[in-house]
Each structure stands twice: as C-alpha cells, then as structure tokens.
Amino acid sequence: MGDETKRPWYISVADGQSLSLTVKGLLTGLVPIAVLVAKSIGLDLGSDELNAIVNQISDLILAVGGVISIAATITGAVRKLYYKLKQD
C-alpha cells in the first residue's frame, strides 16, 4: 500500500514537511472566532495579521512535534542501551 511509514497525526500525508490539511483547516476556522474576540476587546486585526498568526501557530506545532519526536528517540535509545548493558 505504498509508504507504510507512521507519521504523527498532525503531519501532512502528501507532504511530510508541513501540517496536515485538517490541522490547517482547524486553525483557519479559528480565525473568525479570533476576530470576534479581538473586536470585543477593542483590537482591530486584519486578515494579513491573522494569516501570520495561523502560520506562526503552524510552525510552532511542527517545532514542538519535532522536539517531542527527538526526545522520544533519545529516551528510547538510552533505555535500550541501559537494558542491554544491564543484561550483560
């Protein structure tokens, strides 16, 4: 069935380097809510600012996911080494 590599739920199936369309859609769907909240507290945000915010959140999610992946990899490798040395 093609590529059997497991990817985190937030990574695009079509492009493994970007957020999934589902996550981007959810973030974009939050834009109208953000506009309403911003207007209710007296802020006036334009679409360019909101798009920049969505892009920054997208980048943050990818960065956090990368850090979690690296931490899990290092933890797994250290644990495997520990148990291997413990058996010997």
PDB file of N, CA and C in Angstrom:
ATOM      1  N   MET A   1       0.820  -1.201   0.000  1.00  0.00           N
ATOM      2  CA  MET A   1       0.000   0.000   0.000  1.00  0.00           C
ATOM      3  C   MET A   1       0.852   1.248   0.000  1.00  0.00           C
ATOM      4  N   GLY A   2       2.047   1.197  -0.552  1.00  0.00           N
ATOM      5  CA  GLY A   2       2.861   2.390  -0.633  1.00  0.00           C
ATOM      6  C   GLY A   2       3.672   2.623   0.622  1.00  0.00           C
ATOM      7  N   ASP A   3       3.730   3.864   1.003  1.00  0.00           N
ATOM      8  CA  ASP A   3       4.545   4.260   2.149  1.00  0.00           C
ATOM      9  C   ASP A   3       3.871   3.865   3.453  1.00  0.00           C
ATOM     10  N   GLU A   4       4.489   2.938   4.166  1.00  0.00           N
ATOM     11  CA  GLU A   4       3.925   2.440   5.421  1.00  0.00           C
ATOM     12  C   GLU A   4       4.511   3.163   6.637  1.00  0.00           C
ATOM     13  N   THR A   5       5.281   4.223   6.396  1.00  0.00           N
ATOM     14  CA  THR A   5       5.904   4.957   7.483  1.00  0.00           C
ATOM     15  C   THR A   5       4.842   5.636   8.334  1.00  0.00           C
ATOM     16  N   LYS A   6       4.939   5.436   9.648  1.00  0.00           N
ATOM     17  CA  LYS A   6       3.995   6.088  10.566  1.00  0.00           C
ATOM     18  C   LYS A   6       4.389   7.542  10.719  1.00  0.00           C
ATOM     19  N   ARG A   7       3.426   8.413  10.578  1.00  0.00           N
ATOM     20  CA  ARG A   7       3.648   9.840  10.771  1.00  0.00           C
ATOM     21  C   ARG A   7       2.739  10.318  11.879  1.00  0.00           C
ATOM     22  N   PRO A   8       3.179  11.359  12.584  1.00  0.00           N
ATOM     23  CA  PRO A   8       2.285  11.937  13.595  1.00  0.00           C
ATOM     24  C   PRO A   8       0.995  12.421  12.936  1.00  0.00           C
ATOM     25  N   TRP A   9      -0.055  12.477  13.718  1.00  0.00           N
ATOM     26  CA  TRP A   9      -1.376  12.829  13.190  1.00  0.00           C
ATOM     27  C   TRP A   9      -1.422  14.221  12.583  1.00  0.00           C
ATOM     28  N   TYR A  10      -0.553  15.107  12.992  1.00  0.00           N
ATOM     29  CA  TYR A  10      -0.611  16.489  12.527  1.00  0.00           C
ATOM     30  C   TYR A  10       0.228  16.738  11.271  1.00  0.00           C
ATOM     31  N   ILE A  11       0.941  15.727  10.774  1.00  0.00           N
ATOM     32  CA  ILE A  11       1.793  15.879   9.587  1.00  0.00           C
ATOM     33  C   ILE A  11       1.017  15.491   8.333  1.00  0.00           C
ATOM     34  N   SER A  12       1.217  16.267   7.287  1.00  0.00           N
ATOM     35  CA  SER A  12       0.551  16.035   6.010  1.00  0.00           C
ATOM     36  C   SER A  12       0.953  14.702   5.403  1.00  0.00           C
ATOM     37  N   VAL A  13      -0.008  13.997   4.851  1.00  0.00           N
ATOM     38  CA  VAL A  13       0.263  12.745   4.160  1.00  0.00           C
ATOM     39  C   VAL A  13       0.921  13.038   2.809  1.00  0.00           C
ATOM     40  N   ALA A  14       0.490  14.111   2.165  1.00  0.00           N
ATOM     41  CA  ALA A  14       1.022  14.459   0.856  1.00  0.00           C
ATOM     42  C   ALA A  14       2.428  15.043   0.934  1.00  0.00           C
ATOM     43  N   ASP A  15       2.694  15.818   1.992  1.00  0.00           N
ATOM     44  CA  ASP A  15       3.994  16.469   2.162  1.00  0.00           C
ATOM     45  C   ASP A  15       4.415  16.302   3.606  1.00  0.00           C
ATOM     46  N   GLY A  16       5.366  15.443   3.868  1.00  0.00           N
ATOM     47  CA  GLY A  16       5.786  15.128   5.221  1.00  0.00           C
ATOM     48  C   GLY A  16       6.473  16.264   5.957  1.00  0.00           C
ATOM     49  N   GLN A  17       6.598  17.419   5.328  1.00  0.00           N
ATOM     50  CA  GLN A  17       7.274  18.557   5.947  1.00  0.00           C
ATOM     51  C   GLN A  17       6.321  19.667   6.375  1.00  0.00           C
ATOM     52  N   SER A  18       5.018  19.460   6.241  1.00  0.00           N
ATOM     53  CA  SER A  18       4.074  20.515   6.612  1.00  0.00           C
ATOM     54  C   SER A  18       2.905  19.933   7.397  1.00  0.00           C
ATOM     55  N   LEU A  19       2.111  20.829   7.930  1.00  0.00           N
ATOM     56  CA  LEU A  19       0.941  20.398   8.695  1.00  0.00           C
ATOM     57  C   LEU A  19      -0.109  19.804   7.788  1.00  0.00           C
ATOM     58  N   SER A  20      -0.893  18.921   8.362  1.00  0.00           N
ATOM     59  CA  SER A  20      -1.966  18.307   7.582  1.00  0.00           C
ATOM     60  C   SER A  20      -3.026  19.354   7.243  1.00  0.00           C
ATOM     61  N   LEU A  21      -3.736  19.081   6.199  1.00  0.00           N
ATOM     62  CA  LEU A  21      -4.801  19.977   5.767  1.00  0.00           C
ATOM     63  C   LEU A  21      -5.880  20.088   6.836  1.00  0.00           C
ATOM     64  N   THR A  22      -6.099  19.019   7.579  1.00  0.00           N
ATOM     65  CA  THR A  22      -7.084  19.039   8.664  1.00  0.00           C
ATOM     66  C   THR A  22      -6.700  20.049   9.731  1.00  0.00           C
ATOM     67  N   VAL A  23      -5.430  20.028  10.138  1.00  0.00           N
ATOM     68  CA  VAL A  23      -4.977  20.968  11.169  1.00  0.00           C
ATOM     69  C   VAL A  23      -5.018  22.391  10.638  1.00  0.00           C
ATOM     70  N   LYS A  24      -4.563  22.583   9.404  1.00  0.00           N
ATOM     71  CA  LYS A  24      -4.612  23.923   8.812  1.00  0.00           C
ATOM     72  C   LYS A  24      -6.053  24.420   8.727  1.00  0.00           C
ATOM     73  N   GLY A  25      -6.974  23.523   8.378  1.00  0.00           N
ATOM     74  CA  GLY A  25      -8.382  23.900   8.309  1.00  0.00           C
ATOM     75  C   GLY A  25      -8.925  24.298   9.672  1.00  0.00           C
ATOM     76  N   LEU A  26      -8.545  23.532  10.704  1.00  0.00           N
ATOM     77  CA  LEU A  26      -8.986  23.875  12.058  1.00  0.00           C
ATOM     78  C   LEU A  26      -8.424  25.221  12.492  1.00  0.00           C
ATOM     79  N   LEU A  27      -7.139  25.450  12.223  1.00  0.00           N
ATOM     80  CA  LEU A  27      -6.535  26.733  12.590  1.00  0.00           C
ATOM     81  C   LEU A  27      -7.197  27.885  11.843  1.00  0.00           C
ATOM     82  N   THR A  28      -7.461  27.676  10.558  1.00  0.00           N
ATOM     83  CA  THR A  28      -8.115  28.705   9.762  1.00  0.00           C
ATOM     84  C   THR A  28      -9.544  28.930  10.232  1.00  0.00           C
ATOM     85  N   GLY A  29     -10.196  27.871  10.683  1.00  0.00           N
ATOM     86  CA  GLY A  29     -11.553  28.002  11.212  1.00  0.00           C
ATOM     87  C   GLY A  29     -11.606  28.807  12.501  1.00  0.00           C
ATOM     88  N   LEU A  30     -10.495  28.847  13.205  1.00  0.00           N
ATOM     89  CA  LEU A  30     -10.432  29.634  14.433  1.00  0.00           C
ATOM     90  C   LEU A  30     -10.273  31.121  14.165  1.00  0.00           C
ATOM     91  N   VAL A  31      -9.916  31.477  12.939  1.00  0.00           N
ATOM     92  CA  VAL A  31      -9.698  32.886  12.598  1.00  0.00           C
ATOM     93  C   VAL A  31     -10.952  33.737  12.848  1.00  0.00           C
ATOM     94  N   PRO A  32     -12.138  33.330  12.392  1.00  0.00           N
ATOM     95  CA  PRO A  32     -13.318  34.157  12.660  1.00  0.00           C
ATOM     96  C   PRO A  32     -13.587  34.340  14.161  1.00  0.00           C
ATOM     97  N   ILE A  33     -13.318  33.297  14.934  1.00  0.00           N
ATOM     98  CA  ILE A  33     -13.501  33.399  16.382  1.00  0.00           C
ATOM     99  C   ILE A  33     -12.493  34.391  16.953  1.00  0.00           C
ATOM    100  N   ALA A  34     -11.256  34.308  16.471  1.00  0.00           N
ATOM    101  CA  ALA A  34     -10.220  35.237  16.927  1.00  0.00           C
ATOM    102  C   ALA A  34     -10.592  36.676  16.580  1.00  0.00           C
ATOM    103  N   VAL A  35     -11.173  36.878  15.402  1.00  0.00           N
ATOM    104  CA  VAL A  35     -11.597  38.231  15.001  1.00  0.00           C
ATOM    105  C   VAL A  35     -12.670  38.751  15.944  1.00  0.00           C
ATOM    106  N   LEU A  36     -13.650  37.901  16.252  1.00  0.00           N
ATOM    107  CA  LEU A  36     -14.718  38.319  17.168  1.00  0.00           C
ATOM    108  C   LEU A  36     -14.184  38.657  18.551  1.00  0.00           C
ATOM    109  N   VAL A  37     -13.298  37.811  19.057  1.00  0.00           N
ATOM    110  CA  VAL A  37     -12.716  38.063  20.376  1.00  0.00           C
ATOM    111  C   VAL A  37     -11.892  39.341  20.348  1.00  0.00           C
ATOM    112  N   ALA A  38     -11.082  39.509  19.304  1.00  0.00           N
ATOM    113  CA  ALA A  38     -10.243  40.703  19.197  1.00  0.00           C
ATOM    114  C   ALA A  38     -11.096  41.968  19.133  1.00  0.00           C
ATOM    115  N   LYS A  39     -12.182  41.928  18.345  1.00  0.00           N
ATOM    116  CA  LYS A  39     -13.057  43.101  18.237  1.00  0.00           C
ATOM    117  C   LYS A  39     -13.764  43.377  19.551  1.00  0.00           C
ATOM    118  N   SER A  40     -14.104  42.324  20.281  1.00  0.00           N
ATOM    119  CA  SER A  40     -14.815  42.536  21.550  1.00  0.00           C
ATOM    120  C   SER A  40     -13.926  43.181  22.606  1.00  0.00           C
ATOM    121  N   ILE A  41     -12.604  43.014  22.475  1.00  0.00           N
ATOM    122  CA  ILE A  41     -11.717  43.658  23.440  1.00  0.00           C
ATOM    123  C   ILE A  41     -11.047  44.902  22.848  1.00  0.00           C
ATOM    124  N   GLY A  42     -11.518  45.324  21.680  1.00  0.00           N
ATOM    125  CA  GLY A  42     -11.060  46.584  21.107  1.00  0.00           C
ATOM    126  C   GLY A  42      -9.880  46.501  20.161  1.00  0.00           C
ATOM    127  N   LEU A  43      -9.467  45.306  19.765  1.00  0.00           N
ATOM    128  CA  LEU A  43      -8.367  45.167  18.807  1.00  0.00           C
ATOM    129  C   LEU A  43      -8.925  45.057  17.395  1.00  0.00           C
ATOM    130  N   ASP A  44      -8.202  45.622  16.448  1.00  0.00           N
ATOM    131  CA  ASP A  44      -8.623  45.523  15.053  1.00  0.00           C
ATOM    132  C   ASP A  44      -7.542  44.785  14.276  1.00  0.00           C
ATOM    133  N   LEU A  45      -7.768  43.494  14.021  1.00  0.00           N
ATOM    134  CA  LEU A  45      -6.810  42.667  13.293  1.00  0.00           C
ATOM    135  C   LEU A  45      -7.278  42.478  11.860  1.00  0.00           C
ATOM    136  N   GLY A  46      -6.357  42.673  10.916  1.00  0.00           N
ATOM    137  CA  GLY A  46      -6.664  42.432   9.519  1.00  0.00           C
ATOM    138  C   GLY A  46      -6.376  40.994   9.145  1.00  0.00           C
ATOM    139  N   SER A  47      -6.754  40.624   7.945  1.00  0.00           N
ATOM    140  CA  SER A  47      -6.565  39.234   7.513  1.00  0.00           C
ATOM    141  C   SER A  47      -5.083  38.886   7.390  1.00  0.00           C
ATOM    142  N   ASP A  48      -4.247  39.855   7.021  1.00  0.00           N
ATOM    143  CA  ASP A  48      -2.813  39.574   6.927  1.00  0.00           C
ATOM    144  C   ASP A  48      -2.231  39.206   8.287  1.00  0.00           C
ATOM    145  N   GLU A  49      -2.627  39.944   9.311  1.00  0.00           N
ATOM    146  CA  GLU A  49      -2.144  39.659  10.658  1.00  0.00           C
ATOM    147  C   GLU A  49      -2.625  38.287  11.130  1.00  0.00           C
ATOM    148  N   LEU A  50      -3.892  37.991  10.849  1.00  0.00           N
ATOM    149  CA  LEU A  50      -4.443  36.699  11.269  1.00  0.00           C
ATOM    150  C   LEU A  50      -3.791  35.541  10.528  1.00  0.00           C
ATOM    151  N   ASN A  51      -3.527  35.723   9.238  1.00  0.00           N
ATOM    152  CA  ASN A  51      -2.833  34.680   8.487  1.00  0.00           C
ATOM    153  C   ASN A  51      -1.426  34.471   9.030  1.00  0.00           C
ATOM    154  N   ALA A  52      -0.766  35.552   9.416  1.00  0.00           N
ATOM    155  CA  ALA A  52       0.568  35.435  10.005  1.00  0.00           C
ATOM    156  C   ALA A  52       0.502  34.672  11.325  1.00  0.00           C
ATOM    157  N   ILE A  53      -0.535  34.931  12.118  1.00  0.00           N
ATOM    158  CA  ILE A  53      -0.704  34.224  13.391  1.00  0.00           C
ATOM    159  C   ILE A  53      -0.924  32.736  13.139  1.00  0.00           C
ATOM    160  N   VAL A  54      -1.773  32.400  12.181  1.00  0.00           N
ATOM    161  CA  VAL A  54      -2.031  30.997  11.853  1.00  0.00           C
ATOM    162  C   VAL A  54      -0.741  30.318  11.388  1.00  0.00           C
ATOM    163  N   ASN A  55       0.037  30.999  10.560  1.00  0.00           N
ATOM    164  CA  ASN A  55       1.305  30.428  10.098  1.00  0.00           C
ATOM    165  C   ASN A  55       2.284  30.234  11.253  1.00  0.00           C
ATOM    166  N   GLN A  56       2.315  31.170  12.191  1.00  0.00           N
ATOM    167  CA  GLN A  56       3.204  31.030  13.346  1.00  0.00           C
ATOM    168  C   GLN A  56       2.772  29.870  14.229  1.00  0.00           C
ATOM    169  N   ILE A  57       1.471  29.711  14.419  1.00  0.00           N
ATOM    170  CA  ILE A  57       0.974  28.578  15.208  1.00  0.00           C
ATOM    171  C   ILE A  57       1.325  27.270  14.507  1.00  0.00           C
ATOM    172  N   SER A  58       1.175  27.254  13.196  1.00  0.00           N
ATOM    173  CA  SER A  58       1.527  26.070  12.408  1.00  0.00           C
ATOM    174  C   SER A  58       3.000  25.713  12.595  1.00  0.00           C
ATOM    175  N   ASP A  59       3.867  26.706  12.505  1.00  0.00           N
ATOM    176  CA  ASP A  59       5.303  26.474  12.699  1.00  0.00           C
ATOM    177  C   ASP A  59       5.591  25.993  14.114  1.00  0.00           C
ATOM    178  N   LEU A  60       4.896  26.558  15.096  1.00  0.00           N
ATOM    179  CA  LEU A  60       5.092  26.164  16.489  1.00  0.00           C
ATOM    180  C   LEU A  60       4.702  24.702  16.703  1.00  0.00           C
ATOM    181  N   ILE A  61       3.576  24.296  16.128  1.00  0.00           N
ATOM    182  CA  ILE A  61       3.129  22.904  16.266  1.00  0.00           C
ATOM    183  C   ILE A  61       4.170  21.955  15.665  1.00  0.00           C
ATOM    184  N   LEU A  62       4.702  22.305  14.489  1.00  0.00           N
ATOM    185  CA  LEU A  62       5.722  21.458  13.863  1.00  0.00           C
ATOM    186  C   LEU A  62       6.992  21.406  14.709  1.00  0.00           C
ATOM    187  N   ALA A  63       7.390  22.544  15.265  1.00  0.00           N
ATOM    188  CA  ALA A  63       8.602  22.576  16.091  1.00  0.00           C
ATOM    189  C   ALA A  63       8.427  21.746  17.357  1.00  0.00           C
ATOM    190  N   VAL A  64       7.283  21.899  18.022  1.00  0.00           N
ATOM    191  CA  VAL A  64       7.027  21.128  19.243  1.00  0.00           C
ATOM    192  C   VAL A  64       6.972  19.634  18.926  1.00  0.00           C
ATOM    193  N   GLY A  65       6.338  19.296  17.835  1.00  0.00           N
ATOM    194  CA  GLY A  65       6.285  17.895  17.428  1.00  0.00           C
ATOM    195  C   GLY A  65       7.671  17.336  17.159  1.00  0.00           C
ATOM    196  N   GLY A  66       8.528  18.137  16.544  1.00  0.00           N
ATOM    197  CA  GLY A  66       9.903  17.705  16.291  1.00  0.00           C
ATOM    198  C   GLY A  66      10.675  17.491  17.576  1.00  0.00           C
ATOM    199  N   VAL A  67      10.510  18.410  18.519  1.00  0.00           N
ATOM    200  CA  VAL A  67      11.200  18.277  19.805  1.00  0.00           C
ATOM    201  C   VAL A  67      10.720  17.031  20.542  1.00  0.00           C
ATOM    202  N   ILE A  68       9.427  16.785  20.540  1.00  0.00           N
ATOM    203  CA  ILE A  68       8.877  15.593  21.199  1.00  0.00           C
ATOM    204  C   ILE A  68       9.416  14.328  20.530  1.00  0.00           C
ATOM    205  N   SER A  69       9.483  14.341  19.216  1.00  0.00           N
ATOM    206  CA  SER A  69       9.996  13.188  18.478  1.00  0.00           C
ATOM    207  C   SER A  69      11.463  12.931  18.824  1.00  0.00           C
ATOM    208  N   ILE A  70      12.262  13.983  18.872  1.00  0.00           N
ATOM    209  CA  ILE A  70      13.680  13.834  19.221  1.00  0.00           C
ATOM    210  C   ILE A  70      13.822  13.320  20.646  1.00  0.00           C
ATOM    211  N   ALA A  71      13.044  13.884  21.573  1.00  0.00           N
ATOM    212  CA  ALA A  71      13.111  13.449  22.968  1.00  0.00           C
ATOM    213  C   ALA A  71      12.727  11.979  23.103  1.00  0.00           C
ATOM    214  N   ALA A  72      11.697  11.562  22.394  1.00  0.00           N
ATOM    215  CA  ALA A  72      11.270  10.164  22.452  1.00  0.00           C
ATOM    216  C   ALA A  72      12.339   9.247  21.868  1.00  0.00           C
ATOM    217  N   THR A  73      12.968   9.672  20.798  1.00  0.00           N
ATOM    218  CA  THR A  73      14.024   8.873  20.171  1.00  0.00           C
ATOM    219  C   THR A  73      15.216   8.717  21.116  1.00  0.00           C
ATOM    220  N   ILE A  74      15.654   9.820  21.712  1.00  0.00           N
ATOM    221  CA  ILE A  74      16.792   9.764  22.635  1.00  0.00           C
ATOM    222  C   ILE A  74      16.446   8.923  23.856  1.00  0.00           C
ATOM    223  N   THR A  75      15.249   9.123  24.411  1.00  0.00           N
ATOM    224  CA  THR A  75      14.829   8.342  25.576  1.00  0.00           C
ATOM    225  C   THR A  75      14.807   6.853  25.246  1.00  0.00           C
ATOM    226  N   GLY A  76      14.263   6.506  24.103  1.00  0.00           N
ATOM    227  CA  GLY A  76      14.208   5.107  23.692  1.00  0.00           C
ATOM    228  C   GLY A  76      15.589   4.505  23.501  1.00  0.00           C
ATOM    229  N   ALA A  77      16.490   5.272  22.889  1.00  0.00           N
ATOM    230  CA  ALA A  77      17.845   4.775  22.663  1.00  0.00           C
ATOM    231  C   ALA A  77      18.592   4.580  23.981  1.00  0.00           C
ATOM    232  N   VAL A  78      18.456   5.542  24.895  1.00  0.00           N
ATOM    233  CA  VAL A  78      19.117   5.434  26.200  1.00  0.00           C
ATOM    234  C   VAL A  78      18.549   4.255  26.981  1.00  0.00           C
ATOM    235  N   ARG A  79      17.251   4.099  26.967  1.00  0.00           N
ATOM    236  CA  ARG A  79      16.622   2.988  27.687  1.00  0.00           C
ATOM    237  C   ARG A  79      17.074   1.647  27.117  1.00  0.00           C
ATOM    238  N   LYS A  80      17.125   1.560  25.780  1.00  0.00           N
ATOM    239  CA  LYS A  80      17.559   0.322  25.133  1.00  0.00           C
ATOM    240  C   LYS A  80      19.009   0.009  25.512  1.00  0.00           C
ATOM    241  N   LEU A  81      19.860   1.026  25.493  1.00  0.00           N
ATOM    242  CA  LEU A  81      21.259   0.838  25.869  1.00  0.00           C
ATOM    243  C   LEU A  81      21.370   0.415  27.334  1.00  0.00           C
ATOM    244  N   TYR A  82      20.595   1.049  28.201  1.00  0.00           N
ATOM    245  CA  TYR A  82      20.609   0.726  29.623  1.00  0.00           C
ATOM    246  C   TYR A  82      20.238  -0.757  29.858  1.00  0.00           C
ATOM    247  N   TYR A  83      19.141  -1.188  29.250  1.00  0.00           N
ATOM    248  CA  TYR A  83      18.712  -2.580  29.447  1.00  0.00           C
ATOM    249  C   TYR A  83      19.669  -3.571  28.787  1.00  0.00           C
ATOM    250  N   LYS A  84      20.287  -3.172  27.690  1.00  0.00           N
ATOM    251  CA  LYS A  84      21.270  -4.038  27.037  1.00  0.00           C
ATOM    252  C   LYS A  84      22.484  -4.213  27.932  1.00  0.00           C
ATOM    253  N   LEU A  85      22.977  -3.117  28.518  1.00  0.00           N
ATOM    254  CA  LEU A  85      24.130  -3.186  29.410  1.00  0.00           C
ATOM    255  C   LEU A  85      23.789  -3.897  30.710  1.00  0.00           C
ATOM    256  N   LYS A  86      22.567  -3.764  31.173  1.00  0.00           N
ATOM    257  CA  LYS A  86      22.113  -4.393  32.413  1.00  0.00           C
ATOM    258  C   LYS A  86      22.070  -5.919  32.264  1.00  0.00           C
ATOM    259  N   GLN A  87      21.725  -6.404  31.057  1.00  0.00           N
ATOM    260  CA  GLN A  87      21.648  -7.840  30.806  1.00  0.00           C
ATOM    261  C   GLN A  87      23.037  -8.470  30.769  1.00  0.00           C
ATOM    262  N   ASP A  88      24.000  -7.722  30.308  1.00  0.00           N
ATOM    263  CA  ASP A  88      25.372  -8.279  30.150  1.00  0.00           C
ATOM    264  C   ASP A  88      26.137  -8.340  31.431  1.00  0.00           C
TER     265      ASP A  88
END
